[in-house]
């Protein structure tokens, strides 16, 4: 019985040792992968960084110019809108004054007729 237990114990230890070796191999492989990726990224950055930064700067410049053009167009539209609204308001103000004057004249005529009617009846 001891013989079989020792044999089983040795087999378990061999399996554990095999697992540890595989784990080390995987860790070494993943480390080498990370190192290769890091070197690739550094190489790409060294080769392409300036051109990428130039592209980004050009993109920012184009966006700024586009926003500036939009702002100028909106500014001229605002001037047109303000001018148009002031003309419309002036026309409405003139119409209001005319109607107000017509109403006052009508009310004064009614009052005048009433006063004249009262004066005629008293005489």
PDB file of N, CA and C in Angstrom:
ATOM      1  N   UNK A   1       0.810  -1.167   0.000  1.00  0.00           N
ATOM      2  CA  UNK A   1       0.000   0.000   0.000  1.00  0.00           C
ATOM      3  C   UNK A   1       0.869   1.251   0.000  1.00  0.00           C
ATOM      4  N   UNK A   2       1.901   1.246   0.785  1.00  0.00           N
ATOM      5  CA  UNK A   2       2.818   2.385   0.794  1.00  0.00           C
ATOM      6  C   UNK A   2       3.445   2.594  -0.574  1.00  0.00           C
ATOM      7  N   UNK A   3       3.684   1.486  -1.228  1.00  0.00           N
ATOM      8  CA  UNK A   3       4.292   1.572  -2.550  1.00  0.00           C
ATOM      9  C   UNK A   3       3.394   2.360  -3.502  1.00  0.00           C
ATOM     10  N   UNK A   4       2.096   2.039  -3.496  1.00  0.00           N
ATOM     11  CA  UNK A   4       1.142   2.719  -4.380  1.00  0.00           C
ATOM     12  C   UNK A   4       0.958   4.187  -3.980  1.00  0.00           C
ATOM     13  N   UNK A   5       0.964   4.446  -2.677  1.00  0.00           N
ATOM     14  CA  UNK A   5       0.833   5.830  -2.224  1.00  0.00           C
ATOM     15  C   UNK A   5       2.045   6.648  -2.656  1.00  0.00           C
ATOM     16  N   UNK A   6       3.230   6.074  -2.523  1.00  0.00           N
ATOM     17  CA  UNK A   6       4.436   6.776  -2.966  1.00  0.00           C
ATOM     18  C   UNK A   6       4.414   6.996  -4.470  1.00  0.00           C
ATOM     19  N   UNK A   7       3.947   5.988  -5.203  1.00  0.00           N
ATOM     20  CA  UNK A   7       3.850   6.102  -6.651  1.00  0.00           C
ATOM     21  C   UNK A   7       2.861   7.199  -7.035  1.00  0.00           C
ATOM     22  N   UNK A   8       1.711   7.251  -6.373  1.00  0.00           N
ATOM     23  CA  UNK A   8       0.711   8.289  -6.626  1.00  0.00           C
ATOM     24  C   UNK A   8       1.257   9.663  -6.274  1.00  0.00           C
ATOM     25  N   UNK A   9       1.981   9.733  -5.166  1.00  0.00           N
ATOM     26  CA  UNK A   9       2.567  11.002  -4.724  1.00  0.00           C
ATOM     27  C   UNK A   9       3.582  11.493  -5.747  1.00  0.00           C
ATOM     28  N   UNK A  10       4.404  10.589  -6.266  1.00  0.00           N
ATOM     29  CA  UNK A  10       5.396  10.957  -7.276  1.00  0.00           C
ATOM     30  C   UNK A  10       4.718  11.407  -8.561  1.00  0.00           C
ATOM     31  N   UNK A  11       3.639  10.751  -8.948  1.00  0.00           N
ATOM     32  CA  UNK A  11       2.896  11.147 -10.151  1.00  0.00           C
ATOM     33  C   UNK A  11       2.295  12.545  -9.981  1.00  0.00           C
ATOM     34  N   UNK A  12       1.708  12.806  -8.815  1.00  0.00           N
ATOM     35  CA  UNK A  12       1.145  14.137  -8.539  1.00  0.00           C
ATOM     36  C   UNK A  12       2.224  15.202  -8.588  1.00  0.00           C
ATOM     37  N   UNK A  13       3.377  14.901  -7.990  1.00  0.00           N
ATOM     38  CA  UNK A  13       4.486  15.855  -8.010  1.00  0.00           C
ATOM     39  C   UNK A  13       4.969  16.088  -9.432  1.00  0.00           C
ATOM     40  N   UNK A  14       5.014  15.042 -10.234  1.00  0.00           N
ATOM     41  CA  UNK A  14       5.430  15.176 -11.629  1.00  0.00           C
ATOM     42  C   UNK A  14       4.439  16.048 -12.393  1.00  0.00           C
ATOM     43  N   UNK A  15       3.146  15.840 -12.130  1.00  0.00           N
ATOM     44  CA  UNK A  15       2.110  16.653 -12.782  1.00  0.00           C
ATOM     45  C   UNK A  15       2.240  18.111 -12.349  1.00  0.00           C
ATOM     46  N   UNK A  16       2.437  18.340 -11.054  1.00  0.00           N
ATOM     47  CA  UNK A  16       2.614  19.700 -10.537  1.00  0.00           C
ATOM     48  C   UNK A  16       3.843  20.353 -11.168  1.00  0.00           C
ATOM     49  N   UNK A  17       4.935  19.608 -11.274  1.00  0.00           N
ATOM     50  CA  UNK A  17       6.161  20.121 -11.861  1.00  0.00           C
ATOM     51  C   UNK A  17       5.922  20.478 -13.333  1.00  0.00           C
ATOM     52  N   UNK A  18       5.190  19.631 -14.019  1.00  0.00           N
ATOM     53  CA  UNK A  18       4.858  19.874 -15.423  1.00  0.00           C
ATOM     54  C   UNK A  18       4.012  21.138 -15.566  1.00  0.00           C
ATOM     55  N   UNK A  19       3.038  21.309 -14.660  1.00  0.00           N
ATOM     56  CA  UNK A  19       2.192  22.515 -14.674  1.00  0.00           C
ATOM     57  C   UNK A  19       3.040  23.762 -14.466  1.00  0.00           C
ATOM     58  N   UNK A  20       3.971  23.707 -13.503  1.00  0.00           N
ATOM     59  CA  UNK A  20       4.836  24.851 -13.218  1.00  0.00           C
ATOM     60  C   UNK A  20       5.684  25.197 -14.436  1.00  0.00           C
ATOM     61  N   UNK A  21       6.219  24.171 -15.120  1.00  0.00           N
ATOM     62  CA  UNK A  21       7.025  24.416 -16.314  1.00  0.00           C
ATOM     63  C   UNK A  21       6.189  25.067 -17.402  1.00  0.00           C
ATOM     64  N   UNK A  22       4.982  24.558 -17.614  1.00  0.00           N
ATOM     65  CA  UNK A  22       4.078  25.132 -18.628  1.00  0.00           C
ATOM     66  C   UNK A  22       3.733  26.578 -18.277  1.00  0.00           C
ATOM     67  N   UNK A  23       3.468  26.833 -16.988  1.00  0.00           N
ATOM     68  CA  UNK A  23       3.135  28.184 -16.545  1.00  0.00           C
ATOM     69  C   UNK A  23       4.298  29.127 -16.797  1.00  0.00           C
ATOM     70  N   UNK A  24       5.517  28.689 -16.518  1.00  0.00           N
ATOM     71  CA  UNK A  24       6.698  29.518 -16.774  1.00  0.00           C
ATOM     72  C   UNK A  24       6.851  29.785 -18.259  1.00  0.00           C
ATOM     73  N   UNK A  25       6.623  28.742 -19.068  1.00  0.00           N
ATOM     74  CA  UNK A  25       6.711  28.923 -20.517  1.00  0.00           C
ATOM     75  C   UNK A  25       5.702  29.958 -21.002  1.00  0.00           C
ATOM     76  N   UNK A  26       4.477  29.874 -20.492  1.00  0.00           N
ATOM     77  CA  UNK A  26       3.427  30.831 -20.879  1.00  0.00           C
ATOM     78  C   UNK A  26       3.808  32.241 -20.427  1.00  0.00           C
ATOM     79  N   UNK A  27       4.318  32.373 -19.214  1.00  0.00           N
ATOM     80  CA  UNK A  27       4.725  33.693 -18.722  1.00  0.00           C
ATOM     81  C   UNK A  27       5.850  34.262 -19.568  1.00  0.00           C
ATOM     82  N   UNK A  28       6.843  33.420 -19.905  1.00  0.00           N
ATOM     83  CA  UNK A  28       7.935  33.885 -20.757  1.00  0.00           C
ATOM     84  C   UNK A  28       7.437  34.284 -22.140  1.00  0.00           C
ATOM     85  N   UNK A  29       6.520  33.487 -22.678  1.00  0.00           N
ATOM     86  CA  UNK A  29       5.962  33.792 -23.994  1.00  0.00           C
ATOM     87  C   UNK A  29       5.191  35.111 -23.960  1.00  0.00           C
ATOM     88  N   UNK A  30       4.367  35.320 -22.924  1.00  0.00           N
ATOM     89  CA  UNK A  30       3.584  36.559 -22.838  1.00  0.00           C
ATOM     90  C   UNK A  30       4.502  37.763 -22.627  1.00  0.00           C
ATOM     91  N   UNK A  31       5.575  37.581 -21.843  1.00  0.00           N
ATOM     92  CA  UNK A  31       6.531  38.672 -21.652  1.00  0.00           C
ATOM     93  C   UNK A  31       7.207  39.019 -22.975  1.00  0.00           C
ATOM     94  N   UNK A  32       7.602  37.999 -23.729  1.00  0.00           N
ATOM     95  CA  UNK A  32       8.244  38.267 -25.021  1.00  0.00           C
ATOM     96  C   UNK A  32       7.268  38.955 -25.974  1.00  0.00           C
ATOM     97  N   UNK A  33       5.987  38.578 -25.916  1.00  0.00           N
ATOM     98  CA  UNK A  33       4.968  39.240 -26.735  1.00  0.00           C
ATOM     99  C   UNK A  33       4.858  40.720 -26.375  1.00  0.00           C
ATOM    100  N   UNK A  34       4.814  41.003 -25.078  1.00  0.00           N
ATOM    101  CA  UNK A  34       4.720  42.394 -24.637  1.00  0.00           C
ATOM    102  C   UNK A  34       5.942  43.186 -25.085  1.00  0.00           C
ATOM    103  N   UNK A  35       7.117  42.580 -24.984  1.00  0.00           N
ATOM    104  CA  UNK A  35       8.349  43.247 -25.404  1.00  0.00           C
ATOM    105  C   UNK A  35       8.321  43.534 -26.903  1.00  0.00           C
ATOM    106  N   UNK A  36       7.876  42.566 -27.685  1.00  0.00           N
ATOM    107  CA  UNK A  36       7.775  42.773 -29.130  1.00  0.00           C
ATOM    108  C   UNK A  36       6.774  43.879 -29.453  1.00  0.00           C
ATOM    109  N   UNK A  37       5.634  43.883 -28.765  1.00  0.00           N
ATOM    110  CA  UNK A  37       4.631  44.934 -28.980  1.00  0.00           C
ATOM    111  C   UNK A  37       5.201  46.291 -28.608  1.00  0.00           C
ATOM    112  N   UNK A  38       5.895  46.361 -27.475  1.00  0.00           N
ATOM    113  CA  UNK A  38       6.487  47.626 -27.041  1.00  0.00           C
ATOM    114  C   UNK A  38       7.494  48.127 -28.067  1.00  0.00           C
ATOM    115  N   UNK A  39       8.337  47.208 -28.570  1.00  0.00           N
ATOM    116  CA  UNK A  39       9.329  47.622 -29.571  1.00  0.00           C
ATOM    117  C   UNK A  39       8.645  48.076 -30.854  1.00  0.00           C
ATOM    118  N   UNK A  40       7.574  47.384 -31.253  1.00  0.00           N
ATOM    119  CA  UNK A  40       6.833  47.772 -32.462  1.00  0.00           C
ATOM    120  C   UNK A  40       6.205  49.152 -32.293  1.00  0.00           C
ATOM    121  N   UNK A  41       5.626  49.384 -31.136  1.00  0.00           N
ATOM    122  CA  UNK A  41       4.996  50.681 -30.870  1.00  0.00           C
ATOM    123  C   UNK A  41       6.042  51.784 -30.862  1.00  0.00           C
ATOM    124  N   UNK A  42       7.175  51.541 -30.225  1.00  0.00           N
ATOM    125  CA  UNK A  42       8.233  52.559 -30.191  1.00  0.00           C
ATOM    126  C   UNK A  42       8.763  52.830 -31.588  1.00  0.00           C
ATOM    127  N   UNK A  43       8.923  51.782 -32.389  1.00  0.00           N
ATOM    128  CA  UNK A  43       9.396  51.949 -33.767  1.00  0.00           C
ATOM    129  C   UNK A  43       8.392  52.764 -34.580  1.00  0.00           C
ATOM    130  N   UNK A  44       7.099  52.413 -34.451  1.00  0.00           N
ATOM    131  CA  UNK A  44       6.054  53.146 -35.165  1.00  0.00           C
ATOM    132  C   UNK A  44       6.034  54.609 -34.735  1.00  0.00           C
ATOM    133  N   UNK A  45       6.161  54.832 -33.429  1.00  0.00           N
ATOM    134  CA  UNK A  45       6.149  56.203 -32.918  1.00  0.00           C
ATOM    135  C   UNK A  45       7.337  56.979 -33.460  1.00  0.00           C
ATOM    136  N   UNK A  46       8.500  56.342 -33.505  1.00  0.00           N
ATOM    137  CA  UNK A  46       9.683  57.038 -34.013  1.00  0.00           C
ATOM    138  C   UNK A  46       9.534  57.371 -35.493  1.00  0.00           C
ATOM    139  N   UNK A  47       8.923  56.477 -36.251  1.00  0.00           N
ATOM    140  CA  UNK A  47       8.790  56.684 -37.694  1.00  0.00           C
ATOM    141  C   UNK A  47       7.634  57.610 -38.054  1.00  0.00           C
ATOM    142  N   UNK A  48       6.526  57.460 -37.374  1.00  0.00           N
ATOM    143  CA  UNK A  48       5.293  58.126 -37.804  1.00  0.00           C
ATOM    144  C   UNK A  48       4.828  59.266 -36.912  1.00  0.00           C
ATOM    145  N   UNK A  49       5.468  59.488 -35.801  1.00  0.00           N
ATOM    146  CA  UNK A  49       4.959  60.466 -34.837  1.00  0.00           C
ATOM    147  C   UNK A  49       4.844  61.857 -35.446  1.00  0.00           C
ATOM    148  N   UNK A  50       5.874  62.306 -36.152  1.00  0.00           N
ATOM    149  CA  UNK A  50       5.844  63.658 -36.715  1.00  0.00           C
ATOM    150  C   UNK A  50       4.735  63.814 -37.751  1.00  0.00           C
ATOM    151  N   UNK A  51       4.604  62.826 -38.638  1.00  0.00           N
ATOM    152  CA  UNK A  51       3.559  62.932 -39.667  1.00  0.00           C
ATOM    153  C   UNK A  51       2.167  62.871 -39.036  1.00  0.00           C
ATOM    154  N   UNK A  52       1.990  62.034 -38.020  1.00  0.00           N
ATOM    155  CA  UNK A  52       0.694  61.952 -37.339  1.00  0.00           C
ATOM    156  C   UNK A  52       0.371  63.273 -36.636  1.00  0.00           C
ATOM    157  N   UNK A  53       1.359  63.852 -35.986  1.00  0.00           N
ATOM    158  CA  UNK A  53       1.143  65.141 -35.309  1.00  0.00           C
ATOM    159  C   UNK A  53       0.819  66.234 -36.334  1.00  0.00           C
ATOM    160  N   UNK A  54       1.495  66.190 -37.493  1.00  0.00           N
ATOM    161  CA  UNK A  54       1.189  67.160 -38.546  1.00  0.00           C
ATOM    162  C   UNK A  54      -0.241  66.998 -39.044  1.00  0.00           C
ATOM    163  N   UNK A  55      -0.678  65.741 -39.204  1.00  0.00           N
ATOM    164  CA  UNK A  55      -2.054  65.485 -39.638  1.00  0.00           C
ATOM    165  C   UNK A  55      -3.053  66.016 -38.612  1.00  0.00           C
ATOM    166  N   UNK A  56      -2.768  65.776 -37.353  1.00  0.00           N
ATOM    167  CA  UNK A  56      -3.663  66.250 -36.289  1.00  0.00           C
ATOM    168  C   UNK A  56      -3.713  67.775 -36.280  1.00  0.00           C
ATOM    169  N   UNK A  57      -2.542  68.413 -36.400  1.00  0.00           N
ATOM    170  CA  UNK A  57      -2.492  69.882 -36.415  1.00  0.00           C
ATOM    171  C   UNK A  57      -3.250  70.431 -37.617  1.00  0.00           C
ATOM    172  N   UNK A  58      -3.105  69.792 -38.770  1.00  0.00           N
ATOM    173  CA  UNK A  58      -3.815  70.237 -39.979  1.00  0.00           C
ATOM    174  C   UNK A  58      -5.323  70.076 -39.800  1.00  0.00           C
ATOM    175  N   UNK A  59      -5.733  68.973 -39.194  1.00  0.00           N
ATOM    176  CA  UNK A  59      -7.154  68.743 -38.934  1.00  0.00           C
ATOM    177  C   UNK A  59      -7.719  69.819 -38.009  1.00  0.00           C
ATOM    178  N   UNK A  60      -6.974  70.139 -36.970  1.00  0.00           N
ATOM    179  CA  UNK A  60      -7.417  71.179 -36.034  1.00  0.00           C
ATOM    180  C   UNK A  60      -7.514  72.527 -36.746  1.00  0.00           C
ATOM    181  N   UNK A  61      -6.538  72.822 -37.588  1.00  0.00           N
ATOM    182  CA  UNK A  61      -6.532  74.094 -38.326  1.00  0.00           C
ATOM    183  C   UNK A  61      -7.742  74.178 -39.258  1.00  0.00           C
ATOM    184  N   UNK A  62      -8.038  73.084 -39.978  1.00  0.00           N
ATOM    185  CA  UNK A  62      -9.186  73.077 -40.886  1.00  0.00           C
ATOM    186  C   UNK A  62     -10.498  73.246 -40.122  1.00  0.00           C
ATOM    187  N   UNK A  63     -10.608  72.591 -38.983  1.00  0.00           N
ATOM    188  CA  UNK A  63     -11.825  72.724 -38.178  1.00  0.00           C
ATOM    189  C   UNK A  63     -11.984  74.161 -37.690  1.00  0.00           C
ATOM    190  N   UNK A  64     -10.875  74.773 -37.268  1.00  0.00           N
ATOM    191  CA  UNK A  64     -10.924  76.156 -36.793  1.00  0.00           C
ATOM    192  C   UNK A  64     -11.357  77.089 -37.923  1.00  0.00           C
ATOM    193  N   UNK A  65     -10.787  76.900 -39.125  1.00  0.00           N
ATOM    194  CA  UNK A  65     -11.153  77.745 -40.258  1.00  0.00           C
ATOM    195  C   UNK A  65     -12.619  77.561 -40.623  1.00  0.00           C
ATOM    196  N   UNK A  66     -13.091  76.333 -40.578  1.00  0.00           N
ATOM    197  CA  UNK A  66     -14.496  76.058 -40.886  1.00  0.00           C
ATOM    198  C   UNK A  66     -15.417  76.754 -39.872  1.00  0.00           C
ATOM    199  N   UNK A  67     -15.079  76.665 -38.597  1.00  0.00           N
ATOM    200  CA  UNK A  67     -15.891  77.316 -37.566  1.00  0.00           C
ATOM    201  C   UNK A  67     -15.850  78.835 -37.718  1.00  0.00           C
ATOM    202  N   UNK A  68     -14.703  79.368 -38.125  1.00  0.00           N
ATOM    203  CA  UNK A  68     -14.588  80.812 -38.327  1.00  0.00           C
ATOM    204  C   UNK A  68     -15.474  81.260 -39.485  1.00  0.00           C
ATOM    205  N   UNK A  69     -15.483  80.483 -40.587  1.00  0.00           N
ATOM    206  CA  UNK A  69     -16.356  80.808 -41.725  1.00  0.00           C
ATOM    207  C   UNK A  69     -17.824  80.759 -41.302  1.00  0.00           C
ATOM    208  N   UNK A  70     -18.190  79.727 -40.546  1.00  0.00           N
ATOM    209  CA  UNK A  70     -19.574  79.617 -40.076  1.00  0.00           C
ATOM    210  C   UNK A  70     -19.951  80.811 -39.207  1.00  0.00           C
ATOM    211  N   UNK A  71     -19.025  81.222 -38.350  1.00  0.00           N
ATOM    212  CA  UNK A  71     -19.292  82.358 -37.466  1.00  0.00           C
ATOM    213  C   UNK A  71     -19.487  83.627 -38.283  1.00  0.00           C
ATOM    214  N   UNK A  72     -18.666  83.815 -39.318  1.00  0.00           N
ATOM    215  CA  UNK A  72     -18.808  85.009 -40.159  1.00  0.00           C
ATOM    216  C   UNK A  72     -20.133  84.994 -40.901  1.00  0.00           C
ATOM    217  N   UNK A  73     -20.534  83.813 -41.408  1.00  0.00           N
ATOM    218  CA  UNK A  73     -21.814  83.712 -42.111  1.00  0.00           C
ATOM    219  C   UNK A  73     -22.968  84.004 -41.152  1.00  0.00           C
ATOM    220  N   UNK A  74     -22.881  83.491 -39.950  1.00  0.00           N
ATOM    221  CA  UNK A  74     -23.942  83.753 -38.974  1.00  0.00           C
ATOM    222  C   UNK A  74     -23.972  85.224 -38.586  1.00  0.00           C
ATOM    223  N   UNK A  75     -22.802  85.837 -38.515  1.00  0.00           N
ATOM    224  CA  UNK A  75     -22.738  87.255 -38.167  1.00  0.00           C
ATOM    225  C   UNK A  75     -23.431  88.092 -39.233  1.00  0.00           C
ATOM    226  N   UNK A  76     -23.161  87.801 -40.524  1.00  0.00           N
ATOM    227  CA  UNK A  76     -23.815  88.562 -41.590  1.00  0.00           C
ATOM    228  C   UNK A  76     -25.316  88.264 -41.599  1.00  0.00           C
ATOM    229  N   UNK A  77     -25.695  87.050 -41.279  1.00  0.00           N
ATOM    230  CA  UNK A  77     -27.122  86.714 -41.198  1.00  0.00           C
ATOM    231  C   UNK A  77     -27.772  87.480 -40.047  1.00  0.00           C
ATOM    232  N   UNK A  78     -27.063  87.647 -38.950  1.00  0.00           N
ATOM    233  CA  UNK A  78     -27.590  88.401 -37.811  1.00  0.00           C
ATOM    234  C   UNK A  78     -27.813  89.860 -38.196  1.00  0.00           C
ATOM    235  N   UNK A  79     -26.867  90.435 -38.937  1.00  0.00           N
ATOM    236  CA  UNK A  79     -27.030  91.818 -39.386  1.00  0.00           C
ATOM    237  C   UNK A  79     -28.263  91.955 -40.276  1.00  0.00           C
ATOM    238  N   UNK A  80     -28.438  91.012 -41.214  1.00  0.00           N
ATOM    239  CA  UNK A  80     -29.597  91.029 -42.104  1.00  0.00           C
ATOM    240  C   UNK A  80     -30.884  90.901 -41.294  1.00  0.00           C
ATOM    241  N   UNK A  81     -30.894  89.975 -40.332  1.00  0.00           N
ATOM    242  CA  UNK A  81     -32.077  89.759 -39.507  1.00  0.00           C
ATOM    243  C   UNK A  81     -32.424  91.018 -38.720  1.00  0.00           C
ATOM    244  N   UNK A  82     -31.416  91.638 -38.123  1.00  0.00           N
ATOM    245  CA  UNK A  82     -31.650  92.852 -37.338  1.00  0.00           C
ATOM    246  C   UNK A  82     -32.211  93.958 -38.221  1.00  0.00           C
ATOM    247  N   UNK A  83     -31.645  94.134 -39.401  1.00  0.00           N
ATOM    248  CA  UNK A  83     -32.112  95.161 -40.330  1.00  0.00           C
ATOM    249  C   UNK A  83     -33.554  94.891 -40.755  1.00  0.00           C
ATOM    250  N   UNK A  84     -33.834  93.645 -41.115  1.00  0.00           N
ATOM    251  CA  UNK A  84     -35.182  93.274 -41.556  1.00  0.00           C
ATOM    252  C   UNK A  84     -36.201  93.487 -40.437  1.00  0.00           C
ATOM    253  N   UNK A  85     -35.850  93.081 -39.222  1.00  0.00           N
ATOM    254  CA  UNK A  85     -36.774  93.241 -38.102  1.00  0.00           C
ATOM    255  C   UNK A  85     -37.016  94.714 -37.779  1.00  0.00           C
ATOM    256  N   UNK A  86     -35.979  95.534 -37.864  1.00  0.00           N
ATOM    257  CA  UNK A  86     -36.185  96.959 -37.567  1.00  0.00           C
ATOM    258  C   UNK A  86     -37.100  97.594 -38.610  1.00  0.00           C
ATOM    259  N   UNK A  87     -36.970  97.191 -39.886  1.00  0.00           N
ATOM    260  CA  UNK A  87     -37.876  97.719 -40.923  1.00  0.00           C
ATOM    261  C   UNK A  87     -39.311  97.273 -40.657  1.00  0.00           C
ATOM    262  N   UNK A  88     -39.481  95.994 -40.304  1.00  0.00           N
ATOM    263  CA  UNK A  88     -40.833  95.505 -40.016  1.00  0.00           C
ATOM    264  C   UNK A  88     -41.432  96.210 -38.799  1.00  0.00           C
ATOM    265  N   UNK A  89     -40.622  96.395 -37.770  1.00  0.00           N
ATOM    266  CA  UNK A  89     -41.118  97.076 -36.574  1.00  0.00           C
ATOM    267  C   UNK A  89     -41.457  98.535 -36.871  1.00  0.00           C
ATOM    268  N   UNK A  90     -40.687  99.187 -37.718  1.00  0.00           N
ATOM    269  CA  UNK A  90     -40.984 100.574 -38.101  1.00  0.00           C
ATOM    270  C   UNK A  90     -42.322 100.643 -38.831  1.00  0.00           C
ATOM    271  N   UNK A  91     -42.547  99.682 -39.735  1.00  0.00           N
ATOM    272  CA  UNK A  91     -43.827  99.647 -40.462  1.00  0.00           C
ATOM    273  C   UNK A  91     -44.978  99.413 -39.484  1.00  0.00           C
ATOM    274  N   UNK A  92     -44.789  98.503 -38.527  1.00  0.00           N
ATOM    275  CA  UNK A  92     -45.843  98.244 -37.539  1.00  0.00           C
ATOM    276  C   UNK A  92     -46.082  99.459 -36.649  1.00  0.00           C
ATOM    277  N   UNK A  93     -44.999 100.147 -36.289  1.00  0.00           N
ATOM    278  CA  UNK A  93     -45.135 101.340 -35.455  1.00  0.00           C
ATOM    279  C   UNK A  93     -45.923 102.428 -36.202  1.00  0.00           C
ATOM    280  N   UNK A  94     -45.628 102.615 -37.505  1.00  0.00           N
ATOM    281  CA  UNK A  94     -46.359 103.604 -38.313  1.00  0.00           C
ATOM    282  C   UNK A  94     -47.831 103.232 -38.423  1.00  0.00           C
ATOM    283  N   UNK A  95     -48.107 101.949 -38.652  1.00  0.00           N
ATOM    284  CA  UNK A  95     -49.495 101.498 -38.744  1.00  0.00           C
ATOM    285  C   UNK A  95     -50.217 101.735 -37.414  1.00  0.00           C
ATOM    286  N   UNK A  96     -49.533 101.438 -36.299  1.00  0.00           N
ATOM    287  CA  UNK A  96     -50.101 101.665 -34.977  1.00  0.00           C
ATOM    288  C   UNK A  96     -50.425 103.139 -34.765  1.00  0.00           C
ATOM    289  N   UNK A  97     -49.504 104.015 -35.134  1.00  0.00           N
ATOM    290  CA  UNK A  97     -49.733 105.456 -34.958  1.00  0.00           C
ATOM    291  C   UNK A  97     -50.920 105.916 -35.797  1.00  0.00           C
ATOM    292  N   UNK A  98     -51.018 105.414 -37.045  1.00  0.00           N
ATOM    293  CA  UNK A  98     -52.141 105.802 -37.905  1.00  0.00           C
ATOM    294  C   UNK A  98     -53.474 105.349 -37.303  1.00  0.00           C
ATOM    295  N   UNK A  99     -53.518 104.098 -36.850  1.00  0.00           N
ATOM    296  CA  UNK A  99     -54.769 103.577 -36.280  1.00  0.00           C
ATOM    297  C   UNK A  99     -55.115 104.307 -34.982  1.00  0.00           C
ATOM    298  N   UNK A 100     -54.083 104.622 -34.180  1.00  0.00           N
ATOM    299  CA  UNK A 100     -54.317 105.340 -32.933  1.00  0.00           C
ATOM    300  C   UNK A 100     -54.876 106.734 -33.241  1.00  0.00           C
ATOM    301  N   UNK A 101     -54.291 107.390 -34.232  1.00  0.00           N
ATOM    302  CA  UNK A 101     -54.761 108.730 -34.600  1.00  0.00           C
ATOM    303  C   UNK A 101     -56.195 108.666 -35.130  1.00  0.00           C
ATOM    304  N   UNK A 102     -56.495 107.631 -35.945  1.00  0.00           N
ATOM    305  CA  UNK A 102     -57.851 107.466 -36.474  1.00  0.00           C
ATOM    306  C   UNK A 102     -58.841 107.223 -35.331  1.00  0.00           C
ATOM    307  N   UNK A 103     -58.472 106.419 -34.355  1.00  0.00           N
ATOM    308  CA  UNK A 103     -59.338 106.149 -33.220  1.00  0.00           C
ATOM    309  C   UNK A 103     -59.574 107.428 -32.407  1.00  0.00           C
ATOM    310  N   UNK A 104     -58.501 108.182 -32.153  1.00  0.00           N
ATOM    311  CA  UNK A 104     -58.647 109.434 -31.394  1.00  0.00           C
ATOM    312  C   UNK A 104     -59.552 110.415 -32.133  1.00  0.00           C
ATOM    313  N   UNK A 105     -59.371 110.507 -33.442  1.00  0.00           N
ATOM    314  CA  UNK A 105     -60.213 111.412 -34.239  1.00  0.00           C
ATOM    315  C   UNK A 105     -61.670 110.979 -34.176  1.00  0.00           C
ATOM    316  N   UNK A 106     -61.898 109.690 -34.279  1.00  0.00           N
ATOM    317  CA  UNK A 106     -63.265 109.153 -34.208  1.00  0.00           C
ATOM    318  C   UNK A 106     -63.878 109.452 -32.844  1.00  0.00           C
ATOM    319  N   UNK A 107     -63.150 109.228 -31.770  1.00  0.00           N
ATOM    320  CA  UNK A 107     -63.656 109.481 -30.429  1.00  0.00           C
ATOM    321  C   UNK A 107     -63.915 110.973 -30.212  1.00  0.00           C
ATOM    322  N   UNK A 108     -63.024 111.806 -30.752  1.00  0.00           N
ATOM    323  CA  UNK A 108     -63.221 113.255 -30.602  1.00  0.00           C
ATOM    324  C   UNK A 108     -64.445 113.713 -31.374  1.00  0.00           C
ATOM    325  N   UNK A 109     -64.657 113.121 -32.573  1.00  0.00           N
ATOM    326  CA  UNK A 109     -65.842 113.472 -33.366  1.00  0.00           C
ATOM    327  C   UNK A 109     -67.128 113.078 -32.627  1.00  0.00           C
ATOM    328  N   UNK A 110     -67.117 111.873 -32.000  1.00  0.00           N
ATOM    329  CA  UNK A 110     -68.282 111.437 -31.238  1.00  0.00           C
ATOM    330  C   UNK A 110     -68.540 112.375 -30.065  1.00  0.00           C
ATOM    331  N   UNK A 111     -67.462 112.741 -29.359  1.00  0.00           N
ATOM    332  CA  UNK A 111     -67.596 113.636 -28.209  1.00  0.00           C
ATOM    333  C   UNK A 111     -68.092 115.018 -28.651  1.00  0.00           C
ATOM    334  N   UNK A 112     -67.556 115.476 -29.801  1.00  0.00           N
ATOM    335  CA  UNK A 112     -67.973 116.770 -30.328  1.00  0.00           C
ATOM    336  C   UNK A 112     -69.457 116.756 -30.667  1.00  0.00           C
ATOM    337  N   UNK A 113     -69.921 115.680 -31.317  1.00  0.00           N
ATOM    338  CA  UNK A 113     -71.334 115.555 -31.670  1.00  0.00           C
ATOM    339  C   UNK A 113     -72.202 115.508 -30.411  1.00  0.00           C
ATOM    340  N   UNK A 114     -71.711 114.818 -29.401  1.00  0.00           N
ATOM    341  CA  UNK A 114     -72.450 114.713 -28.144  1.00  0.00           C
ATOM    342  C   UNK A 114     -72.561 116.090 -27.477  1.00  0.00           C
ATOM    343  N   UNK A 115     -71.438 116.807 -27.460  1.00  0.00           N
ATOM    344  CA  UNK A 115     -71.438 118.142 -26.845  1.00  0.00           C
ATOM    345  C   UNK A 115     -72.358 119.079 -27.640  1.00  0.00           C
ATOM    346  N   UNK A 116     -72.259 119.021 -28.967  1.00  0.00           N
ATOM    347  CA  UNK A 116     -73.093 119.875 -29.798  1.00  0.00           C
ATOM    348  C   UNK A 116     -74.563 119.485 -29.632  1.00  0.00           C
ATOM    349  N   UNK A 117     -74.849 118.167 -29.544  1.00  0.00           N
ATOM    350  CA  UNK A 117     -76.230 117.705 -29.330  1.00  0.00           C
ATOM    351  C   UNK A 117     -76.760 118.175 -28.001  1.00  0.00           C
ATOM    352  N   UNK A 118     -75.916 118.139 -26.947  1.00  0.00           N
ATOM    353  CA  UNK A 118     -76.317 118.602 -25.629  1.00  0.00           C
ATOM    354  C   UNK A 118     -76.543 120.119 -25.654  1.00  0.00           C
ATOM    355  N   UNK A 119     -75.649 120.851 -26.326  1.00  0.00           N
ATOM    356  CA  UNK A 119     -75.775 122.313 -26.392  1.00  0.00           C
ATOM    357  C   UNK A 119     -77.027 122.703 -27.183  1.00  0.00           C
ATOM    358  N   UNK A 120     -77.330 122.014 -28.244  1.00  0.00           N
ATOM    359  CA  UNK A 120     -78.514 122.309 -29.057  1.00  0.00           C
ATOM    360  C   UNK A 120     -79.793 122.045 -28.257  1.00  0.00           C
ATOM    361  N   UNK A 121     -79.780 120.958 -27.463  1.00  0.00           N
ATOM    362  CA  UNK A 121     -80.978 120.636 -26.709  1.00  0.00           C
ATOM    363  C   UNK A 121     -81.214 121.622 -25.567  1.00  0.00           C
ATOM    364  N   UNK A 122     -80.120 122.203 -25.056  1.00  0.00           N
ATOM    365  CA  UNK A 122     -80.262 123.169 -23.984  1.00  0.00           C
ATOM    366  C   UNK A 122     -80.715 124.525 -24.526  1.00  0.00           C
ATOM    367  N   UNK A 123     -80.482 124.826 -25.720  1.00  0.00           N
ATOM    368  CA  UNK A 123     -80.871 126.117 -26.268  1.00  0.00           C
ATOM    369  C   UNK A 123     -82.249 126.077 -26.762  1.00  0.00           C
TER     370      UNK A 123
END
